[in-house]
């Protein structure tokens, strides 16, 4: 588990306490806490914080403070990071992306000139708020009193101008006059460069993960997967100052991911091996490797992390996680089969929808039709294409009516989880689903707005998803009735709805809105802010499955005596 305190770091399994000494930016206190348990380390660090503040009180409350050493240290650190990047990035642009027909130097020069113009503009306009996160962090790290904020910010902007002027000269090849690279004697090769300082990967991650959870809404599966990405990246490229990572490191990680087996984390055979050892041991074997979709997800997590570092001034240059390709070779199109024809007919002619023996024996034929989650969730998926969890976590208040159109409001309020921001949307209830009595079911099972419409479902699995146990039942049920196919699962309903909408000539914008996909164009991503509900309702009504023969007359025994919804007695659901 990564530490959650910025003053705690971990080396070889042991926790250490580290604090910079006020007014001495090149000096710090580093003490071993002599424990491998984070909670113990956290308590010890809290006690040390109190003593540290007491000992440094005279320093931090001094009426005068010399900002020059702090600013000099900042400039030297940034220049050292630039030099390290140049050494580790031979035969390629240091900051810019390669372009055919253009030299590396010209590309970098164009990029650096942009940074220099921005730095000069911020200095001339005294636009201190443009660098507020960086200023806040440096002031906190160096115990700079608040009354010095503007003076420090102005000095920092001067340092940034000097930084980019120096980087520009380096880009033009002017190193000798700067006297910044101490050379070894003639008997040795290479140059001695001060290693970049600043937070290491494991030191920077706690702050970032706190931001990601509070401001970006990371939780559950997303949080767990991204933490795994950062742990794998550290294992591959080492825990070094974040400013020192280059495109070369990310390329190394990319190649490692491509070499890993798909089941690298699940097979007992590889349980005690490092990622590198697994890749080497399985090299040349004809086994499935990580998909490009998975690799793309890893790089997306790294891209967000480095973008955060850039905003804080802890990383300079182009985002090293950007610019990689993730070709699918058409595999996405054939990744899952679609429910249709004879398998679809057999599925919805099975006991859950025609009559089962009992609640616990759903796959055995009988006279009992139980309209609960096992009855409704497959039907909802077939006619709407939503992700399973979007249905499983619905509340009574999420089923609403506007201008006579019933719809499901897909949101992440409360404990509900969504895949991404685009998943928030309104999905009209399909006419056939209404005909089968879904609205009546909702009214009966969830009288109050806060009640869940599938109360039988309980959260399970590492992400506490309400669809977790249903998925296990769904797999076993398909096996019991003889329709199980590996690539024909609940998510296959989603592909079927996409196909039906496309065949009905429904526009891409409408399809994206119904299914919660992000559009590819700038207009779709930035300017399309929800389509008329009537347009969405007309589109969803185009999804038809002639293979499915289910009659409304199949009255569920649990709801006998309740009145079907009519124009005057529709469910009194919150609209």
Protein backbone atom coordinates (compact mmCIF):
# COMPACT_ATOMS: atom_id res chain seq x y z
CA UNK A 1 0.00 0.00 0.00
CA UNK A 2 1.35 3.44 -0.88
CA UNK A 3 1.93 5.84 2.02
CA UNK A 4 -0.58 8.65 2.41
CA UNK A 5 1.78 11.11 4.17
CA UNK A 6 4.09 13.33 2.13
CA UNK A 7 6.82 13.14 4.81
CA UNK A 8 6.99 9.34 4.74
CA UNK A 9 8.96 7.38 2.18
CA UNK A 10 9.79 3.72 1.83
CA UNK A 11 13.13 2.11 1.06
CA UNK A 12 13.66 -1.64 0.88
CA UNK A 13 10.47 -2.20 2.82
CA UNK A 14 11.36 0.14 5.73
CA UNK A 15 9.62 3.51 6.25
CA UNK A 16 11.65 6.73 6.60
CA UNK A 17 10.78 10.25 7.77
CA UNK A 18 12.03 13.10 5.51
CA UNK A 19 11.67 16.87 5.90
CA UNK A 20 13.50 19.77 4.26
CA UNK A 21 15.17 22.18 6.67
CA UNK A 22 13.69 25.71 6.45
CA UNK A 23 15.88 28.28 4.66
CA UNK A 24 18.29 25.47 3.74
CA UNK A 25 16.75 23.94 0.63
CA UNK A 26 19.76 21.71 -0.02
CA UNK A 27 19.57 20.09 3.40
CA UNK A 28 17.02 17.77 4.90
CA UNK A 29 16.33 15.52 7.86
CA UNK A 30 16.07 11.81 7.02
CA UNK A 31 15.40 9.29 9.79
CA UNK A 32 14.60 5.61 9.66
CA UNK A 33 11.34 4.86 11.48
CA UNK A 34 12.50 1.24 11.85
CA UNK A 35 9.15 -0.26 10.93
CA UNK A 36 7.60 -1.94 7.92
CA UNK A 37 4.05 -1.17 9.07
CA UNK A 38 2.59 2.01 7.57
CA UNK A 39 0.17 2.77 10.42
CA UNK A 40 3.03 2.63 12.93
CA UNK A 41 5.14 4.83 10.66
CA UNK A 42 2.26 7.29 10.35
CA UNK A 43 1.97 7.66 14.13
CA UNK A 44 5.72 8.11 14.53
CA UNK A 45 5.78 10.69 11.73
CA UNK A 46 3.02 12.68 13.44
CA UNK A 47 5.09 12.85 16.63
CA UNK A 48 8.19 13.84 14.67
CA UNK A 49 6.23 16.56 12.86
CA UNK A 50 5.40 18.20 16.19
CA UNK A 51 9.02 18.11 17.31
CA UNK A 52 10.23 19.34 13.91
CA UNK A 53 7.90 22.34 14.04
CA UNK A 54 9.08 23.16 17.57
CA UNK A 55 12.75 23.03 16.61
CA UNK A 56 12.28 25.10 13.46
CA UNK A 57 9.89 27.64 14.97
CA UNK A 58 12.57 30.33 15.27
CA UNK A 59 13.49 29.87 11.63
CA UNK A 60 9.98 30.00 10.20
CA UNK A 61 8.89 32.99 12.26
CA UNK A 62 11.89 35.15 11.39
CA UNK A 63 10.83 38.56 10.11
CA UNK A 64 13.26 38.32 7.20
CA UNK A 65 13.81 35.48 4.79
CA UNK A 66 16.30 35.15 1.95
CA UNK A 67 14.48 33.75 -1.08
CA UNK A 68 17.56 33.63 -3.29
CA UNK A 69 18.89 30.19 -2.19
CA UNK A 70 15.43 28.68 -2.62
CA UNK A 71 15.01 30.11 -6.11
CA UNK A 72 18.56 29.12 -7.06
CA UNK A 73 17.91 25.57 -5.90
CA UNK A 74 14.69 25.48 -7.96
CA UNK A 75 16.50 26.69 -11.08
CA UNK A 76 19.40 24.26 -10.63
CA UNK A 77 17.01 21.38 -10.12
CA UNK A 78 15.06 22.20 -13.28
CA UNK A 79 18.25 22.60 -15.32
CA UNK A 80 19.57 19.30 -13.98
CA UNK A 81 16.33 17.65 -15.06
CA UNK A 82 16.72 19.13 -18.54
CA UNK A 83 20.28 17.83 -18.81
CA UNK A 84 19.23 14.37 -17.64
CA UNK A 85 16.53 14.26 -20.32
CA UNK A 86 19.06 15.18 -23.00
CA UNK A 87 21.44 12.45 -21.94
CA UNK A 88 18.70 9.81 -21.83
CA UNK A 89 17.08 10.86 -25.13
CA UNK A 90 19.68 10.46 -27.90
CA UNK A 91 18.72 10.65 -31.58
CA UNK A 92 15.25 12.04 -30.83
CA UNK A 93 13.60 15.30 -29.81
CA UNK A 94 14.05 16.01 -26.11
CA UNK A 95 10.65 17.64 -25.64
CA UNK A 96 8.65 17.58 -28.86
CA UNK A 97 7.19 14.66 -30.82
CA UNK A 98 9.11 13.53 -33.93
CA UNK A 99 7.80 14.72 -37.30
CA UNK A 100 8.88 13.41 -40.72
CA UNK A 101 11.04 15.88 -42.61
CA UNK A 102 11.94 18.03 -39.59
CA UNK A 103 15.08 17.93 -37.47
CA UNK A 104 14.95 17.11 -33.78
CA UNK A 105 16.54 20.47 -32.89
CA UNK A 106 14.01 22.52 -34.87
CA UNK A 107 11.10 20.71 -33.25
CA UNK A 108 12.54 21.22 -29.76
CA UNK A 109 13.39 24.85 -30.51
CA UNK A 110 9.80 25.55 -31.53
CA UNK A 111 8.52 23.94 -28.35
CA UNK A 112 11.03 25.74 -26.09
CA UNK A 113 10.27 29.11 -27.71
CA UNK A 114 6.63 28.60 -26.81
CA UNK A 115 7.56 27.94 -23.18
CA UNK A 116 9.87 30.97 -23.12
CA UNK A 117 7.18 33.26 -24.54
CA UNK A 118 4.73 32.00 -21.94
CA UNK A 119 7.23 32.52 -19.09
CA UNK A 120 8.00 36.07 -20.23
CA UNK A 121 4.31 36.87 -20.57
CA UNK A 122 3.57 35.59 -17.06
CA UNK A 123 6.45 37.64 -15.65
CA UNK A 124 5.48 40.82 -17.49
CA UNK A 125 1.82 40.49 -16.49
CA UNK A 126 2.60 39.26 -12.96
CA UNK A 127 0.15 36.42 -13.58
CA UNK A 128 0.95 34.68 -10.32
CA UNK A 129 -2.26 32.62 -10.28
CA UNK A 130 -1.10 30.78 -13.42
CA UNK A 131 1.43 28.89 -11.30
CA UNK A 132 -0.49 28.77 -8.02
CA UNK A 133 -0.14 24.97 -7.41
CA UNK A 134 3.63 25.13 -7.96
CA UNK A 135 3.98 28.26 -5.80
CA UNK A 136 1.89 26.69 -3.01
CA UNK A 137 3.99 23.52 -3.00
CA UNK A 138 7.33 25.33 -2.99
CA UNK A 139 6.21 27.69 -0.23
CA UNK A 140 5.05 24.77 1.88
CA UNK A 141 8.20 22.73 1.25
CA UNK A 142 10.43 25.66 2.18
CA UNK A 143 8.27 27.09 5.00
CA UNK A 144 7.92 30.48 3.30
CA UNK A 145 5.51 32.79 5.19
CA UNK A 146 2.40 33.91 3.33
CA UNK A 147 3.47 37.58 3.35
CA UNK A 148 6.29 36.65 0.97
CA UNK A 149 3.97 35.05 -1.62
CA UNK A 150 4.11 37.78 -4.26
CA UNK A 151 7.83 38.35 -3.85
CA UNK A 152 8.50 34.63 -4.14
CA UNK A 153 6.15 34.27 -7.12
CA UNK A 154 7.90 37.12 -8.93
CA UNK A 155 11.30 35.56 -8.27
CA UNK A 156 10.01 32.20 -9.45
CA UNK A 157 8.80 33.71 -12.72
CA UNK A 158 12.23 35.29 -13.22
CA UNK A 159 13.79 31.89 -12.63
CA UNK A 160 11.45 30.34 -15.21
CA UNK A 161 12.50 32.90 -17.82
CA UNK A 162 16.15 32.17 -17.07
CA UNK A 163 15.41 28.45 -17.21
CA UNK A 164 13.94 28.55 -20.71
CA UNK A 165 16.59 30.97 -21.97
CA UNK A 166 19.23 28.47 -20.86
CA UNK A 167 17.33 25.51 -22.31
CA UNK A 168 17.05 27.41 -25.61
CA UNK A 169 20.82 27.91 -25.72
CA UNK A 170 21.32 24.21 -25.03
CA UNK A 171 18.93 23.35 -27.83
CA UNK A 172 21.07 25.48 -30.17
CA UNK A 173 24.16 23.59 -29.01
CA UNK A 174 25.62 26.30 -26.78
CA UNK A 175 26.87 24.42 -23.72
CA UNK A 176 30.49 25.47 -23.26
CA UNK A 177 29.75 29.10 -22.39
CA UNK A 178 27.27 28.12 -19.72
CA UNK A 179 29.72 26.17 -17.61
CA UNK A 180 26.98 23.93 -16.26
CA UNK A 181 28.28 20.48 -17.17
CA UNK A 182 31.29 19.47 -15.07
CA UNK A 183 33.50 17.19 -17.19
CA UNK A 184 35.60 14.32 -15.96
CA UNK A 185 39.29 14.07 -16.78
CA UNK A 186 40.38 12.88 -20.21
CA UNK A 187 40.83 9.32 -18.99
CA UNK A 188 37.13 8.92 -18.36
CA UNK A 189 34.24 9.14 -20.75
CA UNK A 190 30.91 10.90 -20.48
CA UNK A 191 29.78 13.80 -18.36
CA UNK A 192 28.89 14.07 -14.72
CA UNK A 193 25.43 15.53 -14.28
CA UNK A 194 23.63 16.22 -11.04
CA UNK A 195 20.77 13.77 -10.72
CA UNK A 196 17.32 15.34 -10.81
CA UNK A 197 15.87 16.02 -7.38
CA UNK A 198 12.29 16.40 -6.32
CA UNK A 199 9.64 13.85 -5.38
CA UNK A 200 10.15 10.27 -6.42
CA UNK A 201 7.36 8.21 -7.94
CA UNK A 202 6.26 6.75 -4.61
CA UNK A 203 6.49 10.18 -2.97
CA UNK A 204 4.41 11.89 -5.67
CA UNK A 205 1.71 9.23 -5.95
CA UNK A 206 -0.09 9.77 -2.60
CA UNK A 207 -0.80 13.41 -3.43
CA UNK A 208 -1.92 12.50 -6.94
CA UNK A 209 -4.16 9.64 -5.81
CA UNK A 210 -5.79 11.90 -3.23
CA UNK A 211 -6.50 14.41 -6.02
CA UNK A 212 -7.76 11.67 -8.35
CA UNK A 213 -10.21 10.34 -5.76
CA UNK A 214 -11.52 13.73 -4.62
CA UNK A 215 -11.52 15.68 -7.89
CA UNK A 216 -11.73 13.03 -10.60
CA UNK A 217 -13.97 10.59 -8.76
CA UNK A 218 -11.67 7.57 -8.94
CA UNK A 219 -12.91 4.66 -6.86
CA UNK A 220 -13.60 0.97 -7.00
CA UNK A 221 -12.29 -0.78 -10.07
CA UNK A 222 -10.84 2.36 -11.66
CA UNK A 223 -8.78 3.20 -8.58
CA UNK A 224 -7.59 -0.39 -8.10
CA UNK A 225 -6.60 -0.80 -11.76
CA UNK A 226 -4.68 2.47 -11.88
CA UNK A 227 -2.83 1.69 -8.65
CA UNK A 228 -1.78 -1.57 -10.27
CA UNK A 229 -0.49 0.38 -13.28
CA UNK A 230 1.71 2.59 -11.10
CA UNK A 231 3.02 -0.39 -9.15
CA UNK A 232 3.93 -2.19 -12.39
CA UNK A 233 5.58 0.95 -13.79
CA UNK A 234 7.69 1.31 -10.64
CA UNK A 235 8.76 -2.33 -10.88
CA UNK A 236 9.72 -1.88 -14.53
CA UNK A 237 11.42 1.54 -14.46
CA UNK A 238 12.37 2.03 -10.83
CA UNK A 239 11.35 4.51 -8.15
CA UNK A 240 13.26 7.62 -9.21
CA UNK A 241 12.50 11.36 -9.23
CA UNK A 242 9.48 11.90 -11.46
CA UNK A 243 11.36 14.61 -13.37
CA UNK A 244 13.86 11.98 -14.53
CA UNK A 245 11.40 9.73 -16.39
CA UNK A 246 11.68 9.97 -20.17
CA UNK A 247 10.11 8.53 -23.27
CA UNK A 248 12.71 5.78 -23.05
CA UNK A 249 11.25 4.61 -19.72
CA UNK A 250 7.73 4.57 -21.11
CA UNK A 251 8.90 2.66 -24.18
CA UNK A 252 10.51 0.09 -21.91
CA UNK A 253 7.23 -0.28 -20.02
CA UNK A 254 5.27 -0.52 -23.29
CA UNK A 255 7.50 -3.36 -24.51
CA UNK A 256 7.19 -5.17 -21.18
CA UNK A 257 3.39 -5.02 -21.26
CA UNK A 258 3.32 -6.39 -24.81
CA UNK A 259 5.42 -9.34 -23.64
CA UNK A 260 3.30 -10.26 -20.61
CA UNK A 261 0.85 -13.19 -20.78
CA UNK A 262 -2.82 -12.33 -20.42
CA UNK A 263 -3.03 -14.35 -17.20
CA UNK A 264 0.32 -13.23 -15.76
CA UNK A 265 -1.26 -12.17 -12.44
CA UNK A 266 -3.51 -15.20 -11.99
CA UNK A 267 -1.34 -18.21 -12.76
CA UNK A 268 0.33 -19.88 -9.77
CA UNK A 269 3.19 -20.79 -12.10
CA UNK A 270 4.33 -17.14 -12.16
CA UNK A 271 3.27 -16.08 -8.67
CA UNK A 272 6.82 -15.61 -7.34
CA UNK A 273 8.37 -14.10 -10.47
CA UNK A 274 8.95 -10.47 -11.36
CA UNK A 275 7.25 -9.03 -14.43
CA UNK A 276 10.53 -9.13 -16.33
CA UNK A 277 11.08 -12.77 -15.37
CA UNK A 278 7.56 -13.69 -16.50
CA UNK A 279 8.11 -12.02 -19.86
CA UNK A 280 11.47 -13.74 -20.35
CA UNK A 281 10.22 -17.15 -19.22
CA UNK A 282 7.23 -17.09 -21.58
CA UNK A 283 9.06 -15.62 -24.56
CA UNK A 284 8.32 -17.61 -27.70
CA UNK A 285 5.40 -19.50 -26.16
CA UNK A 286 2.13 -19.53 -28.08
CA UNK A 287 -0.06 -18.07 -25.34
CA UNK A 288 -2.40 -15.06 -25.31
CA UNK A 289 -0.68 -11.79 -24.37
CA UNK A 290 -2.14 -8.62 -22.84
CA UNK A 291 -4.56 -7.03 -25.26
CA UNK A 292 -3.89 -3.61 -26.71
CA UNK A 293 -7.03 -2.44 -24.92
CA UNK A 294 -5.44 -3.33 -21.58
CA UNK A 295 -2.12 -1.75 -22.52
CA UNK A 296 -3.95 1.40 -23.60
CA UNK A 297 -5.66 1.54 -20.21
CA UNK A 298 -2.27 1.36 -18.45
CA UNK A 299 -0.91 4.21 -20.55
CA UNK A 300 -4.04 6.27 -20.01
CA UNK A 301 -3.43 6.04 -16.25
CA UNK A 302 0.19 7.10 -16.70
CA UNK A 303 -0.83 9.94 -19.01
CA UNK A 304 -3.17 11.38 -16.37
CA UNK A 305 -0.42 11.10 -13.75
CA UNK A 306 2.23 12.91 -15.80
CA UNK A 307 -0.28 15.57 -16.86
CA UNK A 308 -0.88 16.23 -13.15
CA UNK A 309 2.87 16.53 -12.57
CA UNK A 310 3.20 18.99 -15.45
CA UNK A 311 0.51 21.22 -13.97
CA UNK A 312 2.40 21.25 -10.67
CA UNK A 313 5.73 22.07 -12.33
CA UNK A 314 7.23 18.74 -11.26
CA UNK A 315 7.66 17.52 -14.82
CA UNK A 316 8.86 19.50 -17.84
CA UNK A 317 8.32 18.66 -21.50
CA UNK A 318 5.86 16.62 -23.50
CA UNK A 319 3.90 14.01 -21.59
CA UNK A 320 6.05 10.85 -21.96
CA UNK A 321 2.99 8.58 -21.90
CA UNK A 322 1.54 10.17 -25.03
CA UNK A 323 2.24 9.24 -28.64
CA UNK A 324 2.06 5.43 -28.38
CA UNK A 325 -0.13 3.37 -30.68
CA UNK A 326 -2.49 0.61 -29.60
CA UNK A 327 -3.62 -1.19 -32.78
CA UNK A 328 -6.38 -3.76 -32.38
CA UNK A 329 -6.05 -5.39 -35.83
CA UNK A 330 -9.81 -5.70 -36.02
CA UNK A 331 -10.03 -7.72 -32.83
CA UNK A 332 -12.45 -5.30 -31.20
CA UNK A 333 -15.04 -6.02 -33.87
CA UNK A 334 -14.84 -9.73 -33.19
CA UNK A 335 -14.15 -9.60 -29.46
CA UNK A 336 -17.69 -10.70 -28.51
CA UNK A 337 -20.46 -12.50 -30.32
CA UNK A 338 -23.97 -11.05 -30.52
CA UNK A 339 -27.13 -12.56 -29.12
CA UNK A 340 -29.36 -13.32 -32.11
CA UNK A 341 -31.21 -16.11 -33.88
CA UNK A 342 -31.50 -19.53 -32.33
CA UNK A 343 -29.33 -18.91 -29.20
CA UNK A 344 -31.37 -15.80 -28.36
CA UNK A 345 -34.65 -17.64 -28.90
CA UNK A 346 -33.52 -20.53 -26.67
CA UNK A 347 -32.40 -18.14 -23.94
CA UNK A 348 -35.72 -16.33 -23.60
CA UNK A 349 -37.71 -19.55 -24.05
CA UNK A 350 -36.01 -20.94 -20.94
CA UNK A 351 -37.68 -21.37 -17.51
CA UNK A 352 -36.92 -17.90 -16.10
CA UNK A 353 -39.32 -16.40 -18.68
CA UNK A 354 -41.65 -19.33 -19.34
CA UNK A 355 -41.96 -20.82 -15.85
CA UNK A 356 -39.49 -22.32 -13.39
CA UNK A 357 -39.79 -24.89 -10.62
CA UNK A 358 -38.90 -22.61 -7.67
CA UNK A 359 -36.90 -19.55 -6.67
CA UNK A 360 -33.78 -21.65 -6.11
CA UNK A 361 -34.31 -23.88 -9.17
CA UNK A 362 -34.69 -21.34 -11.97
CA UNK A 363 -33.30 -23.60 -14.69
CA UNK A 364 -35.88 -26.35 -14.05
CA UNK A 365 -39.22 -26.01 -15.93
CA UNK A 366 -42.27 -25.27 -13.80
CA UNK A 367 -45.22 -22.92 -13.45
CA UNK A 368 -43.60 -20.08 -11.49
CA UNK A 369 -42.50 -16.84 -13.18
CA UNK A 370 -40.58 -14.65 -10.74
CA UNK A 371 -40.11 -11.12 -11.98
CA UNK A 372 -37.02 -10.06 -10.07
CA UNK A 373 -33.48 -9.16 -11.12
CA UNK A 374 -32.97 -12.49 -12.90
CA UNK A 375 -36.06 -11.84 -15.03
CA UNK A 376 -35.57 -8.14 -15.77
CA UNK A 377 -31.82 -7.60 -16.09
CA UNK A 378 -31.34 -9.72 -19.25
CA UNK A 379 -34.41 -8.10 -20.85
CA UNK A 380 -33.20 -4.61 -19.98
CA UNK A 381 -29.80 -5.40 -21.46
CA UNK A 382 -31.31 -6.86 -24.63
CA UNK A 383 -33.46 -3.81 -25.41
CA UNK A 384 -31.29 -0.96 -24.06
CA UNK A 385 -27.66 -2.09 -24.21
CA UNK A 386 -26.66 -0.58 -20.88
CA UNK A 387 -23.79 -1.96 -18.85
CA UNK A 388 -24.97 -4.42 -16.19
CA UNK A 389 -24.01 -2.26 -13.21
CA UNK A 390 -25.97 0.70 -14.60
CA UNK A 391 -29.16 -1.35 -14.25
CA UNK A 392 -28.24 -3.27 -11.10
CA UNK A 393 -27.76 -0.13 -8.99
CA UNK A 394 -30.90 1.76 -10.07
CA UNK A 395 -33.10 3.41 -7.43
CA UNK A 396 -36.81 4.19 -7.68
CA UNK A 397 -35.93 7.88 -8.14
CA UNK A 398 -33.84 6.99 -11.21
CA UNK A 399 -36.92 5.87 -13.16
CA UNK A 400 -38.57 9.11 -14.22
CA UNK A 401 -41.14 10.59 -16.58
CA UNK A 402 -40.87 13.75 -18.66
CA UNK A 403 -43.48 14.87 -21.20
CA UNK A 404 -45.05 11.43 -21.05
CA UNK A 405 -41.75 9.63 -21.78
CA UNK A 406 -40.49 7.19 -19.17
CA UNK A 407 -36.72 6.92 -18.91
CA UNK A 408 -33.91 5.69 -16.69
CA UNK A 409 -31.57 8.35 -15.35
CA UNK A 410 -28.08 6.82 -15.30
CA UNK A 411 -26.01 8.64 -12.69
CA UNK A 412 -23.32 8.10 -10.06
CA UNK A 413 -25.09 9.66 -7.10
CA UNK A 414 -24.44 8.14 -3.69
CA UNK A 415 -22.81 4.73 -3.78
CA UNK A 416 -23.49 4.18 -7.48
CA UNK A 417 -20.56 3.64 -9.83
CA UNK A 418 -20.18 4.51 -13.51
CA UNK A 419 -17.41 3.69 -15.94
CA UNK A 420 -16.78 7.32 -16.93
CA UNK A 421 -18.36 10.76 -17.24
CA UNK A 422 -19.97 9.89 -20.60
CA UNK A 423 -21.95 7.15 -18.87
CA UNK A 424 -24.22 9.76 -17.26
CA UNK A 425 -27.29 9.93 -19.51
CA UNK A 426 -31.03 9.39 -19.94
CA UNK A 427 -32.20 6.14 -21.51
CA UNK A 428 -35.91 5.89 -22.45
CA UNK A 429 -37.66 2.71 -21.32
CA UNK A 430 -38.30 0.54 -24.39
CA UNK A 431 -42.01 0.14 -25.31
CA UNK A 432 -41.81 -3.66 -25.09
CA UNK A 433 -40.30 -3.46 -21.59
CA UNK A 434 -43.16 -1.19 -20.54
CA UNK A 435 -45.61 -3.63 -22.11
CA UNK A 436 -44.17 -6.44 -19.99
CA UNK A 437 -44.96 -4.45 -16.82
CA UNK A 438 -41.58 -3.02 -15.83
CA UNK A 439 -43.05 0.24 -14.54
CA UNK A 440 -45.60 -1.68 -12.48
CA UNK A 441 -42.79 -3.80 -11.08
CA UNK A 442 -40.82 -0.70 -10.07
CA UNK A 443 -43.83 0.80 -8.28
CA UNK A 444 -44.51 -2.43 -6.42
CA UNK A 445 -40.96 -3.33 -5.39
CA UNK A 446 -39.70 0.16 -4.51
CA UNK A 447 -42.45 2.40 -3.04
CA UNK A 448 -39.96 5.03 -1.81
CA UNK A 449 -37.64 7.13 -4.03
CA UNK A 450 -34.52 5.99 -2.17
CA UNK A 451 -35.27 2.27 -2.49
CA UNK A 452 -33.42 0.15 -5.01
CA UNK A 453 -35.47 -1.52 -7.73
CA UNK A 454 -33.46 -4.74 -7.44
CA UNK A 455 -33.21 -5.11 -3.65
CA UNK A 456 -32.23 -8.77 -3.96
CA UNK A 457 -28.81 -7.76 -5.29
CA UNK A 458 -26.02 -7.25 -2.78
CA UNK A 459 -22.64 -5.63 -3.49
CA UNK A 460 -19.79 -8.04 -3.98
CA UNK A 461 -16.31 -8.45 -5.40
CA UNK A 462 -13.33 -6.12 -4.93
CA UNK A 463 -15.31 -3.15 -6.31
CA UNK A 464 -18.50 -3.85 -4.33
CA UNK A 465 -20.64 -3.94 -7.45
CA UNK A 466 -24.31 -4.87 -7.27
CA UNK A 467 -24.04 -6.96 -10.42
CA UNK A 468 -21.25 -9.16 -9.05
CA UNK A 469 -23.33 -12.12 -7.80
CA UNK A 470 -25.80 -11.82 -10.68
CA UNK A 471 -22.90 -12.35 -13.09
CA UNK A 472 -21.99 -15.61 -11.37
CA UNK A 473 -25.60 -16.79 -11.47
CA UNK A 474 -25.92 -15.71 -15.13
CA UNK A 475 -22.93 -17.81 -16.15
CA UNK A 476 -24.20 -20.90 -14.36
CA UNK A 477 -27.76 -20.45 -15.66
CA UNK A 478 -26.60 -20.34 -19.28
CA UNK A 479 -24.63 -23.52 -18.70
CA UNK A 480 -27.64 -25.21 -17.09
CA UNK A 481 -29.95 -24.46 -20.03
CA UNK A 482 -27.32 -25.28 -22.67
CA UNK A 483 -26.73 -21.85 -24.27
CA UNK A 484 -23.37 -21.00 -22.72
CA UNK A 485 -20.73 -19.67 -25.10
CA UNK A 486 -17.52 -18.06 -23.87
CA UNK A 487 -17.87 -14.86 -25.90
CA UNK A 488 -21.64 -14.63 -25.58
CA UNK A 489 -22.26 -12.94 -22.24
CA UNK A 490 -24.29 -10.11 -20.73
CA UNK A 491 -22.15 -7.44 -22.37
CA UNK A 492 -22.99 -9.02 -25.74
CA UNK A 493 -26.45 -7.45 -25.42
CA UNK A 494 -24.72 -4.10 -25.77
CA UNK A 495 -23.26 -5.02 -29.15
CA UNK A 496 -26.65 -6.26 -30.28
CA UNK A 497 -28.33 -2.93 -29.51
CA UNK A 498 -25.54 -1.09 -31.32
CA UNK A 499 -26.09 -3.28 -34.38
CA UNK A 500 -29.87 -2.80 -34.33
CA UNK A 501 -29.54 0.99 -34.03
CA UNK A 502 -27.05 1.12 -36.89
CA UNK A 503 -29.28 -1.05 -39.08
CA UNK A 504 -32.15 1.37 -38.43
CA UNK A 505 -29.98 4.28 -39.66
CA UNK A 506 -29.91 5.93 -36.24
CA UNK A 507 -27.27 8.67 -36.24
CA UNK A 508 -23.96 8.16 -34.46
CA UNK A 509 -24.71 11.02 -32.05
CA UNK A 510 -27.91 9.34 -30.90
CA UNK A 511 -26.23 5.93 -30.59
CA UNK A 512 -23.44 7.43 -28.50
CA UNK A 513 -25.98 9.18 -26.27
CA UNK A 514 -28.02 6.03 -25.67
CA UNK A 515 -25.02 3.79 -25.01
CA UNK A 516 -22.91 6.26 -23.05
CA UNK A 517 -20.07 6.46 -25.57
CA UNK A 518 -17.89 9.53 -26.03
CA UNK A 519 -17.96 10.96 -29.55
CA UNK A 520 -14.73 11.04 -31.52
CA UNK A 521 -15.01 14.55 -32.98
CA UNK A 522 -14.39 17.79 -31.09
CA UNK A 523 -18.00 18.83 -31.71
CA UNK A 524 -19.29 15.59 -30.23
CA UNK A 525 -17.01 15.79 -27.21
CA UNK A 526 -17.40 19.47 -26.35
CA UNK A 527 -20.65 20.81 -27.76
CA UNK A 528 -23.14 17.94 -27.75
CA UNK A 529 -24.80 18.33 -24.34
CA UNK A 530 -27.76 15.92 -24.40
CA UNK A 531 -30.32 15.17 -27.09
CA UNK A 532 -34.11 15.58 -26.91
CA UNK A 533 -35.77 12.77 -24.99
CA UNK A 534 -38.31 12.23 -27.79
CA UNK A 535 -35.49 11.65 -30.28
CA UNK A 536 -33.90 9.09 -27.94
CA UNK A 537 -37.24 7.34 -27.32
CA UNK A 538 -37.94 7.03 -31.05
CA UNK A 539 -34.47 5.57 -31.54
CA UNK A 540 -34.68 2.98 -28.76
CA UNK A 541 -38.03 1.81 -30.13
CA UNK A 542 -36.19 0.70 -33.29
CA UNK A 543 -34.54 -2.11 -31.33
CA UNK A 544 -36.65 -5.17 -32.14
CA UNK A 545 -36.00 -8.87 -31.54
CA UNK A 546 -38.54 -11.06 -33.35
CA UNK A 547 -36.82 -14.11 -31.82
CA UNK A 548 -38.11 -13.15 -28.36
CA UNK A 549 -41.64 -14.39 -27.62
CA UNK A 550 -42.68 -13.23 -24.16
CA UNK A 551 -46.28 -12.35 -23.34
CA UNK A 552 -47.56 -9.85 -20.79
CA UNK A 553 -50.21 -12.41 -19.87
CA UNK A 554 -47.52 -14.36 -18.02
CA UNK A 555 -48.56 -12.75 -14.72
CA UNK A 556 -45.97 -13.17 -11.96
CA UNK A 557 -47.41 -14.89 -8.90
CA UNK A 558 -45.86 -12.36 -6.51
CA UNK A 559 -47.80 -9.46 -8.06
CA UNK A 560 -51.24 -11.00 -8.49
CA UNK A 561 -53.98 -8.52 -7.83
CA UNK A 562 -51.97 -5.43 -8.76
CA UNK A 563 -53.31 -3.28 -11.55
CA UNK A 564 -51.35 -2.90 -14.76
CA UNK A 565 -50.30 0.67 -15.57
CA UNK A 566 -52.69 2.62 -17.73
CA UNK A 567 -52.75 6.16 -19.02
CA UNK A 568 -54.48 7.26 -15.82
CA UNK A 569 -52.81 4.93 -13.34
CA UNK A 570 -49.17 4.92 -14.32
CA UNK A 571 -46.69 4.30 -11.51
CA UNK A 572 -46.29 7.29 -9.26
CA UNK A 573 -42.55 7.35 -9.78
CA UNK A 574 -40.65 10.54 -9.08
CA UNK A 575 -40.57 12.45 -12.33
